[in-house]
């Protein structure tokens, strides 16, 4: 029911209106700071909204698509996937990864990294997979000891896994 309502709202909302993040399992305690969750949510649902309207170049005609709900439980699964690669696959979850080095603001860097992430067509298949309705992400922030550059490595886990069909 909530998913249908979310799809309706996303479809009817103007592209100039900002989307408000929808979260589930908040009681389980999201660890990722709200500003990062909002940036990632805006990227995911903005892309899905453009595809639903047929406005996203290179993604085909308009089609029905659910908005994604940020799920703190899946954020926890993303943390497990970070420490134990393959964890999400064992639980039939979809996974995407994106990373990059940066200087300055981490939130600005995340927004720039998301722009380059959209060039990865395999990852985008998971992001826009119509059956996926929930996702959660986590990151590792590090510094390269040799160059001094900071680096962020993100993992997002989705409730439904995109499966390539022949």
N, C-alpha and C. Protein backbone atom coordinates (compact mmCIF):
# COMPACT_ATOMS: atom_id res chain seq x y z
N UNK A 1 0.82 -1.19 0.00
CA UNK A 1 0.00 0.00 0.00
C UNK A 1 0.87 1.25 0.00
N UNK A 2 1.87 1.27 0.91
CA UNK A 2 2.75 2.43 0.98
C UNK A 2 3.54 2.60 -0.31
N UNK A 3 3.96 1.48 -0.89
CA UNK A 3 4.74 1.56 -2.12
C UNK A 3 3.90 2.17 -3.24
N UNK A 4 2.63 1.77 -3.34
CA UNK A 4 1.75 2.32 -4.36
C UNK A 4 1.55 3.81 -4.16
N UNK A 5 1.37 4.22 -2.92
CA UNK A 5 1.23 5.64 -2.62
C UNK A 5 2.49 6.40 -3.00
N UNK A 6 3.65 5.82 -2.69
CA UNK A 6 4.92 6.47 -3.02
C UNK A 6 5.09 6.62 -4.52
N UNK A 7 4.72 5.59 -5.28
CA UNK A 7 4.81 5.66 -6.74
C UNK A 7 3.93 6.78 -7.27
N UNK A 8 2.73 6.85 -6.76
CA UNK A 8 1.79 7.89 -7.20
C UNK A 8 2.34 9.27 -6.92
N UNK A 9 2.86 9.47 -5.73
CA UNK A 9 3.42 10.77 -5.35
C UNK A 9 4.61 11.11 -6.22
N UNK A 10 5.52 10.14 -6.42
CA UNK A 10 6.70 10.39 -7.24
C UNK A 10 6.32 10.71 -8.68
N UNK A 11 5.33 10.00 -9.21
CA UNK A 11 4.94 10.22 -10.59
C UNK A 11 4.28 11.58 -10.78
N UNK A 12 3.48 11.97 -9.83
CA UNK A 12 2.74 13.23 -9.97
C UNK A 12 3.56 14.45 -9.59
N UNK A 13 4.61 14.24 -8.81
CA UNK A 13 5.42 15.38 -8.36
C UNK A 13 6.16 15.99 -9.54
N UNK A 14 6.25 17.26 -9.53
CA UNK A 14 6.99 17.96 -10.57
C UNK A 14 8.48 17.71 -10.39
N UNK A 15 9.22 17.68 -11.48
CA UNK A 15 10.66 17.43 -11.38
C UNK A 15 11.38 18.59 -10.71
N UNK A 16 10.75 19.75 -10.63
CA UNK A 16 11.40 20.87 -9.95
C UNK A 16 11.20 20.83 -8.44
N UNK A 17 10.25 20.02 -7.98
CA UNK A 17 10.03 19.90 -6.54
C UNK A 17 11.06 18.95 -5.97
N UNK A 18 11.55 19.26 -4.80
CA UNK A 18 12.52 18.36 -4.18
C UNK A 18 11.78 17.20 -3.54
N UNK A 19 12.43 16.04 -3.55
CA UNK A 19 11.84 14.85 -2.94
C UNK A 19 12.26 14.77 -1.49
N UNK A 20 11.34 14.35 -0.66
CA UNK A 20 11.63 14.16 0.76
C UNK A 20 12.01 12.70 0.95
N UNK A 21 13.03 12.44 1.72
CA UNK A 21 13.47 11.08 1.95
C UNK A 21 12.41 10.30 2.73
N UNK A 22 12.14 9.09 2.28
CA UNK A 22 11.21 8.19 2.97
C UNK A 22 12.06 7.10 3.59
N UNK A 23 11.90 6.89 4.89
CA UNK A 23 12.73 5.92 5.59
C UNK A 23 11.87 4.89 6.30
N UNK A 24 12.41 3.69 6.42
CA UNK A 24 11.74 2.63 7.16
C UNK A 24 12.74 2.01 8.13
N UNK A 25 12.25 1.33 9.12
CA UNK A 25 13.08 0.68 10.15
C UNK A 25 13.96 1.68 10.87
N UNK A 26 13.44 2.87 11.12
CA UNK A 26 14.24 3.89 11.79
C UNK A 26 14.59 3.48 13.21
N UNK A 27 13.74 2.66 13.82
CA UNK A 27 14.00 2.23 15.19
C UNK A 27 15.24 1.38 15.31
N UNK A 28 15.64 0.73 14.20
CA UNK A 28 16.83 -0.11 14.25
C UNK A 28 18.10 0.73 14.19
N UNK A 29 17.96 2.02 14.00
CA UNK A 29 19.08 2.94 14.10
C UNK A 29 19.98 3.02 12.89
N UNK A 30 19.70 3.95 12.01
CA UNK A 30 20.59 4.19 10.88
C UNK A 30 21.90 4.77 11.40
N UNK A 31 22.99 4.31 10.84
CA UNK A 31 24.31 4.79 11.24
C UNK A 31 24.82 5.89 10.30
N UNK A 32 24.36 5.89 9.05
CA UNK A 32 24.80 6.89 8.08
C UNK A 32 24.11 8.21 8.40
N UNK A 33 24.88 9.28 8.43
CA UNK A 33 24.35 10.61 8.74
C UNK A 33 23.26 11.00 7.75
N UNK A 34 22.27 11.72 8.24
CA UNK A 34 21.10 12.08 7.44
C UNK A 34 21.46 12.81 6.14
N UNK A 35 22.43 13.70 6.16
CA UNK A 35 22.74 14.44 4.93
C UNK A 35 23.26 13.51 3.82
N UNK A 36 23.98 12.45 4.19
CA UNK A 36 24.45 11.49 3.20
C UNK A 36 23.29 10.63 2.71
N UNK A 37 22.44 10.19 3.62
CA UNK A 37 21.25 9.41 3.23
C UNK A 37 20.40 10.21 2.26
N UNK A 38 20.20 11.49 2.55
CA UNK A 38 19.37 12.33 1.68
C UNK A 38 19.99 12.48 0.30
N UNK A 39 21.30 12.65 0.22
CA UNK A 39 21.97 12.79 -1.08
C UNK A 39 21.83 11.51 -1.90
N UNK A 40 22.01 10.37 -1.26
CA UNK A 40 21.90 9.09 -1.96
C UNK A 40 20.45 8.82 -2.34
N UNK A 41 19.53 9.11 -1.46
CA UNK A 41 18.11 8.93 -1.74
C UNK A 41 17.68 9.83 -2.90
N UNK A 42 18.12 11.06 -2.90
CA UNK A 42 17.79 12.00 -3.97
C UNK A 42 18.30 11.49 -5.31
N UNK A 43 19.52 10.95 -5.32
CA UNK A 43 20.08 10.38 -6.55
C UNK A 43 19.21 9.22 -7.04
N UNK A 44 18.95 8.24 -6.16
CA UNK A 44 18.19 7.05 -6.55
C UNK A 44 16.78 7.42 -7.02
N UNK A 45 16.04 8.13 -6.21
CA UNK A 45 14.65 8.41 -6.55
C UNK A 45 14.50 9.46 -7.63
N UNK A 46 15.45 10.37 -7.74
CA UNK A 46 15.43 11.33 -8.85
C UNK A 46 15.58 10.62 -10.18
N UNK A 47 16.53 9.68 -10.25
CA UNK A 47 16.73 8.90 -11.47
C UNK A 47 15.49 8.06 -11.78
N UNK A 48 14.97 7.38 -10.78
CA UNK A 48 13.79 6.53 -11.00
C UNK A 48 12.58 7.38 -11.42
N UNK A 49 12.46 8.57 -10.88
CA UNK A 49 11.35 9.45 -11.26
C UNK A 49 11.49 9.88 -12.72
N UNK A 50 12.71 10.24 -13.13
CA UNK A 50 12.93 10.64 -14.53
C UNK A 50 12.63 9.47 -15.48
N UNK A 51 13.02 8.26 -15.10
CA UNK A 51 12.75 7.09 -15.93
C UNK A 51 11.25 6.84 -16.01
N UNK A 52 10.55 6.96 -14.89
CA UNK A 52 9.10 6.74 -14.87
C UNK A 52 8.39 7.72 -15.80
N UNK A 53 8.92 8.91 -15.92
CA UNK A 53 8.32 9.91 -16.81
C UNK A 53 8.83 9.81 -18.24
N UNK A 54 9.85 8.97 -18.47
CA UNK A 54 10.44 8.83 -19.80
C UNK A 54 11.41 9.95 -20.13
N UNK A 55 11.91 10.65 -19.12
CA UNK A 55 12.79 11.80 -19.33
C UNK A 55 14.28 11.47 -19.21
N UNK A 56 14.62 10.25 -18.81
CA UNK A 56 16.03 9.89 -18.62
C UNK A 56 16.60 9.36 -19.92
N UNK A 57 17.60 10.05 -20.43
CA UNK A 57 18.20 9.68 -21.70
C UNK A 57 18.94 8.35 -21.58
N UNK A 58 18.69 7.46 -22.53
CA UNK A 58 19.39 6.18 -22.57
C UNK A 58 18.74 5.08 -21.74
N UNK A 59 17.57 5.34 -21.17
CA UNK A 59 16.91 4.32 -20.34
C UNK A 59 15.58 3.86 -20.92
N UNK A 60 15.30 4.20 -22.16
CA UNK A 60 14.09 3.72 -22.81
C UNK A 60 12.86 4.55 -22.49
N UNK A 61 11.69 3.99 -22.87
CA UNK A 61 10.43 4.73 -22.70
C UNK A 61 9.99 4.79 -21.24
N UNK A 62 9.00 5.64 -21.00
CA UNK A 62 8.43 5.76 -19.65
C UNK A 62 7.89 4.41 -19.21
N UNK A 63 7.98 4.16 -17.92
CA UNK A 63 7.46 2.89 -17.39
C UNK A 63 7.12 3.05 -15.92
N UNK A 64 6.29 2.15 -15.46
CA UNK A 64 5.89 2.17 -14.05
C UNK A 64 7.07 1.76 -13.19
N UNK A 65 7.29 2.50 -12.12
CA UNK A 65 8.43 2.21 -11.26
C UNK A 65 8.14 2.70 -9.85
N UNK A 66 8.45 1.87 -8.87
CA UNK A 66 8.29 2.26 -7.47
C UNK A 66 9.40 3.21 -7.07
N UNK A 67 9.09 4.09 -6.15
CA UNK A 67 10.15 4.86 -5.50
C UNK A 67 10.83 3.95 -4.50
N UNK A 68 12.08 4.22 -4.19
CA UNK A 68 12.81 3.42 -3.21
C UNK A 68 12.67 4.04 -1.83
N UNK A 69 12.51 3.20 -0.83
CA UNK A 69 12.44 3.63 0.56
C UNK A 69 13.78 3.29 1.21
N UNK A 70 14.38 4.26 1.88
CA UNK A 70 15.64 4.00 2.58
C UNK A 70 15.33 3.17 3.82
N UNK A 71 16.01 2.04 3.95
CA UNK A 71 15.74 1.08 5.02
C UNK A 71 16.98 0.91 5.89
N UNK A 72 16.86 1.26 7.16
CA UNK A 72 18.00 1.16 8.08
C UNK A 72 18.44 -0.29 8.28
N UNK A 73 17.52 -1.24 8.14
CA UNK A 73 17.89 -2.65 8.22
C UNK A 73 18.78 -3.06 7.06
N UNK A 74 18.48 -2.55 5.86
CA UNK A 74 19.34 -2.84 4.71
C UNK A 74 20.66 -2.08 4.81
N UNK A 75 20.66 -0.94 5.50
CA UNK A 75 21.91 -0.24 5.76
C UNK A 75 22.83 -1.15 6.59
N UNK A 76 22.25 -1.83 7.54
CA UNK A 76 23.01 -2.77 8.37
C UNK A 76 23.56 -3.91 7.50
N UNK A 77 22.73 -4.42 6.57
CA UNK A 77 23.20 -5.46 5.65
C UNK A 77 24.33 -4.94 4.77
N UNK A 78 24.27 -3.67 4.38
CA UNK A 78 25.35 -3.07 3.59
C UNK A 78 26.64 -3.06 4.39
N UNK A 79 26.54 -2.82 5.69
CA UNK A 79 27.71 -2.88 6.56
C UNK A 79 28.31 -4.27 6.59
N UNK A 80 27.45 -5.29 6.65
CA UNK A 80 27.94 -6.67 6.61
C UNK A 80 28.61 -6.96 5.27
N UNK A 81 28.01 -6.46 4.18
CA UNK A 81 28.57 -6.66 2.85
C UNK A 81 29.95 -6.00 2.73
N UNK A 82 30.13 -4.87 3.39
CA UNK A 82 31.42 -4.18 3.37
C UNK A 82 32.49 -5.05 4.03
N UNK A 83 32.14 -5.65 5.15
CA UNK A 83 33.11 -6.47 5.90
C UNK A 83 33.24 -7.89 5.36
N UNK A 84 32.15 -8.41 4.80
CA UNK A 84 32.12 -9.79 4.30
C UNK A 84 31.57 -9.79 2.87
N UNK A 85 32.38 -9.43 1.87
CA UNK A 85 31.87 -9.39 0.49
C UNK A 85 31.22 -10.72 0.10
N UNK A 86 30.03 -10.64 -0.46
CA UNK A 86 29.25 -11.81 -0.82
C UNK A 86 28.09 -12.06 0.14
N UNK A 87 28.09 -11.35 1.26
CA UNK A 87 27.02 -11.51 2.26
C UNK A 87 25.65 -11.22 1.63
N UNK A 88 25.53 -10.13 0.90
CA UNK A 88 24.24 -9.74 0.32
C UNK A 88 23.78 -10.77 -0.70
N UNK A 89 24.71 -11.32 -1.47
CA UNK A 89 24.36 -12.32 -2.47
C UNK A 89 23.79 -13.58 -1.82
N UNK A 90 24.33 -13.95 -0.67
CA UNK A 90 23.80 -15.11 0.06
C UNK A 90 22.35 -14.91 0.47
N UNK A 91 21.97 -13.67 0.67
CA UNK A 91 20.60 -13.34 1.09
C UNK A 91 19.76 -12.81 -0.07
N UNK A 92 20.24 -13.04 -1.31
CA UNK A 92 19.52 -12.66 -2.53
C UNK A 92 19.20 -11.17 -2.58
N UNK A 93 20.15 -10.37 -2.17
CA UNK A 93 20.01 -8.92 -2.20
C UNK A 93 20.84 -8.36 -3.36
N UNK A 94 20.38 -7.27 -3.93
CA UNK A 94 21.15 -6.58 -4.95
C UNK A 94 22.20 -5.70 -4.29
N UNK A 95 23.32 -5.48 -4.98
CA UNK A 95 24.42 -4.68 -4.43
C UNK A 95 24.96 -3.75 -5.51
N UNK A 96 25.26 -2.52 -5.12
CA UNK A 96 26.03 -1.61 -5.97
C UNK A 96 27.15 -1.03 -5.12
N UNK A 97 28.21 -0.65 -5.80
CA UNK A 97 29.37 -0.05 -5.12
C UNK A 97 29.82 1.17 -5.91
N UNK A 98 30.22 2.20 -5.19
CA UNK A 98 30.79 3.37 -5.84
C UNK A 98 31.79 4.00 -4.88
N UNK A 99 32.83 4.59 -5.44
CA UNK A 99 33.88 5.14 -4.59
C UNK A 99 34.65 6.22 -5.34
N UNK A 100 35.46 6.94 -4.60
CA UNK A 100 36.30 7.95 -5.20
C UNK A 100 37.12 8.68 -4.16
N UNK A 101 38.19 9.29 -4.63
CA UNK A 101 39.03 10.12 -3.76
C UNK A 101 38.51 11.54 -3.81
N UNK A 102 38.79 12.28 -2.75
CA UNK A 102 38.27 13.64 -2.71
C UNK A 102 39.08 14.52 -1.78
N UNK A 103 38.90 15.81 -1.98
CA UNK A 103 39.42 16.84 -1.08
C UNK A 103 38.23 17.70 -0.71
N UNK A 104 38.30 18.36 0.42
CA UNK A 104 37.22 19.26 0.82
C UNK A 104 36.06 18.52 1.45
N UNK A 105 34.86 19.02 1.18
CA UNK A 105 33.64 18.52 1.80
C UNK A 105 33.29 17.10 1.35
N UNK A 106 33.00 16.23 2.30
CA UNK A 106 32.63 14.85 1.98
C UNK A 106 31.28 14.80 1.29
N UNK A 107 30.34 15.64 1.67
CA UNK A 107 29.02 15.61 1.05
C UNK A 107 29.09 16.08 -0.40
N UNK A 108 29.91 17.10 -0.68
CA UNK A 108 30.10 17.55 -2.06
C UNK A 108 30.77 16.46 -2.88
N UNK A 109 31.73 15.78 -2.26
CA UNK A 109 32.41 14.68 -2.95
C UNK A 109 31.43 13.56 -3.27
N UNK A 110 30.55 13.24 -2.33
CA UNK A 110 29.56 12.19 -2.56
C UNK A 110 28.69 12.54 -3.75
N UNK A 111 28.24 13.77 -3.83
CA UNK A 111 27.39 14.19 -4.95
C UNK A 111 28.14 14.07 -6.28
N UNK A 112 29.42 14.40 -6.29
CA UNK A 112 30.23 14.25 -7.51
C UNK A 112 30.45 12.79 -7.86
N UNK A 113 30.71 11.97 -6.85
CA UNK A 113 30.92 10.54 -7.08
C UNK A 113 29.65 9.90 -7.63
N UNK A 114 28.50 10.32 -7.15
CA UNK A 114 27.24 9.78 -7.66
C UNK A 114 27.05 10.11 -9.14
N UNK A 115 27.53 11.26 -9.58
CA UNK A 115 27.44 11.61 -11.00
C UNK A 115 28.25 10.64 -11.85
N UNK A 116 29.44 10.27 -11.39
CA UNK A 116 30.26 9.31 -12.15
C UNK A 116 29.70 7.90 -12.02
N UNK A 117 29.08 7.60 -10.90
CA UNK A 117 28.46 6.30 -10.67
C UNK A 117 27.38 6.02 -11.70
N UNK A 118 26.67 7.05 -12.13
CA UNK A 118 25.59 6.86 -13.09
C UNK A 118 26.09 6.42 -14.46
N UNK A 119 27.39 6.52 -14.71
CA UNK A 119 27.96 6.04 -15.97
C UNK A 119 28.14 4.52 -15.98
N UNK A 120 28.06 3.88 -14.82
CA UNK A 120 28.21 2.43 -14.71
C UNK A 120 26.85 1.78 -15.00
N UNK A 121 26.67 1.35 -16.24
CA UNK A 121 25.37 0.82 -16.68
C UNK A 121 24.96 -0.44 -15.92
N UNK A 122 25.92 -1.29 -15.55
CA UNK A 122 25.57 -2.49 -14.78
C UNK A 122 25.01 -2.12 -13.42
N UNK A 123 25.64 -1.16 -12.76
CA UNK A 123 25.14 -0.70 -11.46
C UNK A 123 23.78 -0.03 -11.63
N UNK A 124 23.61 0.72 -12.70
CA UNK A 124 22.34 1.41 -12.92
C UNK A 124 21.19 0.44 -13.13
N UNK A 125 21.49 -0.74 -13.69
CA UNK A 125 20.43 -1.75 -13.85
C UNK A 125 19.84 -2.12 -12.49
N UNK A 126 20.70 -2.20 -11.47
CA UNK A 126 20.21 -2.51 -10.13
C UNK A 126 19.46 -1.32 -9.54
N UNK A 127 20.01 -0.12 -9.71
CA UNK A 127 19.38 1.08 -9.15
C UNK A 127 17.96 1.27 -9.70
N UNK A 128 17.77 0.99 -10.99
CA UNK A 128 16.47 1.23 -11.61
C UNK A 128 15.62 -0.03 -11.71
N UNK A 129 16.07 -1.13 -11.13
CA UNK A 129 15.31 -2.39 -11.18
C UNK A 129 13.92 -2.15 -10.59
N UNK A 130 12.87 -2.29 -11.40
CA UNK A 130 11.52 -1.91 -10.96
C UNK A 130 10.99 -2.69 -9.75
N UNK A 131 11.46 -3.91 -9.54
CA UNK A 131 10.95 -4.70 -8.42
C UNK A 131 11.60 -4.33 -7.09
N UNK A 132 12.71 -3.62 -7.13
CA UNK A 132 13.36 -3.18 -5.89
C UNK A 132 12.54 -2.04 -5.30
N UNK A 133 12.28 -2.11 -4.00
CA UNK A 133 11.49 -1.08 -3.34
C UNK A 133 12.20 -0.47 -2.13
N UNK A 134 13.27 -1.12 -1.66
CA UNK A 134 13.98 -0.66 -0.47
C UNK A 134 15.48 -0.75 -0.71
N UNK A 135 16.22 0.13 -0.03
CA UNK A 135 17.67 0.06 -0.10
C UNK A 135 18.27 0.69 1.14
N UNK A 136 19.53 0.38 1.36
CA UNK A 136 20.29 0.98 2.46
C UNK A 136 21.75 0.98 2.06
N UNK A 137 22.49 1.97 2.52
CA UNK A 137 23.89 2.12 2.13
C UNK A 137 24.78 2.37 3.33
N UNK A 138 26.05 2.07 3.17
CA UNK A 138 27.04 2.40 4.18
C UNK A 138 28.35 2.75 3.48
N UNK A 139 29.23 3.40 4.20
CA UNK A 139 30.49 3.84 3.60
C UNK A 139 31.65 3.60 4.53
N UNK A 140 32.81 3.50 3.92
CA UNK A 140 34.07 3.51 4.66
C UNK A 140 34.83 4.74 4.18
N UNK A 141 35.19 5.60 5.11
CA UNK A 141 35.96 6.79 4.78
C UNK A 141 37.39 6.54 5.24
N UNK A 142 38.33 6.73 4.33
CA UNK A 142 39.74 6.45 4.63
C UNK A 142 40.62 7.56 4.08
N UNK A 143 41.88 7.48 4.44
CA UNK A 143 42.88 8.40 3.90
C UNK A 143 44.04 7.56 3.36
N UNK A 144 44.46 7.90 2.13
CA UNK A 144 45.62 7.25 1.54
C UNK A 144 46.86 7.77 2.24
N UNK A 145 47.59 6.90 2.90
CA UNK A 145 48.75 7.32 3.69
C UNK A 145 49.86 7.92 2.82
N UNK A 146 49.98 7.46 1.59
CA UNK A 146 51.05 7.96 0.71
C UNK A 146 50.71 9.32 0.11
N UNK A 147 49.50 9.46 -0.40
CA UNK A 147 49.13 10.70 -1.08
C UNK A 147 48.42 11.70 -0.18
N UNK A 148 47.88 11.23 0.92
CA UNK A 148 47.14 12.10 1.82
C UNK A 148 45.71 12.37 1.38
N UNK A 149 45.32 11.83 0.21
CA UNK A 149 43.96 12.02 -0.30
C UNK A 149 42.97 11.19 0.52
N UNK A 150 41.81 11.77 0.74
CA UNK A 150 40.75 11.03 1.41
C UNK A 150 39.97 10.24 0.37
N UNK A 151 39.39 9.13 0.80
CA UNK A 151 38.66 8.24 -0.09
C UNK A 151 37.39 7.77 0.61
N UNK A 152 36.32 7.67 -0.18
CA UNK A 152 35.09 7.09 0.35
C UNK A 152 34.69 5.92 -0.54
N UNK A 153 34.35 4.82 0.10
CA UNK A 153 33.90 3.61 -0.58
C UNK A 153 32.49 3.30 -0.07
N UNK A 154 31.51 3.35 -0.96
CA UNK A 154 30.11 3.14 -0.60
C UNK A 154 29.62 1.79 -1.10
N UNK A 155 28.75 1.17 -0.33
CA UNK A 155 28.05 -0.06 -0.72
C UNK A 155 26.57 0.17 -0.44
N UNK A 156 25.74 -0.10 -1.44
CA UNK A 156 24.29 -0.03 -1.25
C UNK A 156 23.71 -1.42 -1.49
N UNK A 157 22.78 -1.81 -0.64
CA UNK A 157 22.11 -3.11 -0.73
C UNK A 157 20.62 -2.85 -0.98
N UNK A 158 20.04 -3.65 -1.89
CA UNK A 158 18.64 -3.50 -2.30
C UNK A 158 17.87 -4.77 -1.93
N UNK A 159 16.58 -4.61 -1.67
CA UNK A 159 15.77 -5.76 -1.26
C UNK A 159 15.58 -6.78 -2.37
N UNK A 160 15.63 -6.37 -3.60
CA UNK A 160 15.49 -7.29 -4.74
C UNK A 160 16.71 -7.16 -5.63
N UNK A 161 17.19 -8.30 -6.08
CA UNK A 161 18.40 -8.34 -6.90
C UNK A 161 18.04 -8.36 -8.38
N UNK A 162 18.70 -7.49 -9.15
CA UNK A 162 18.52 -7.51 -10.59
C UNK A 162 19.19 -8.77 -11.13
N UNK A 163 18.45 -9.52 -11.94
CA UNK A 163 18.98 -10.73 -12.54
C UNK A 163 18.91 -10.57 -14.04
N UNK A 164 20.05 -10.70 -14.70
CA UNK A 164 20.12 -10.59 -16.15
C UNK A 164 19.42 -11.80 -16.75
N UNK A 165 18.45 -11.56 -17.62
CA UNK A 165 17.74 -12.66 -18.28
C UNK A 165 18.09 -12.64 -19.75
N UNK A 166 18.13 -13.81 -20.34
CA UNK A 166 18.47 -13.93 -21.77
C UNK A 166 17.25 -13.83 -22.62
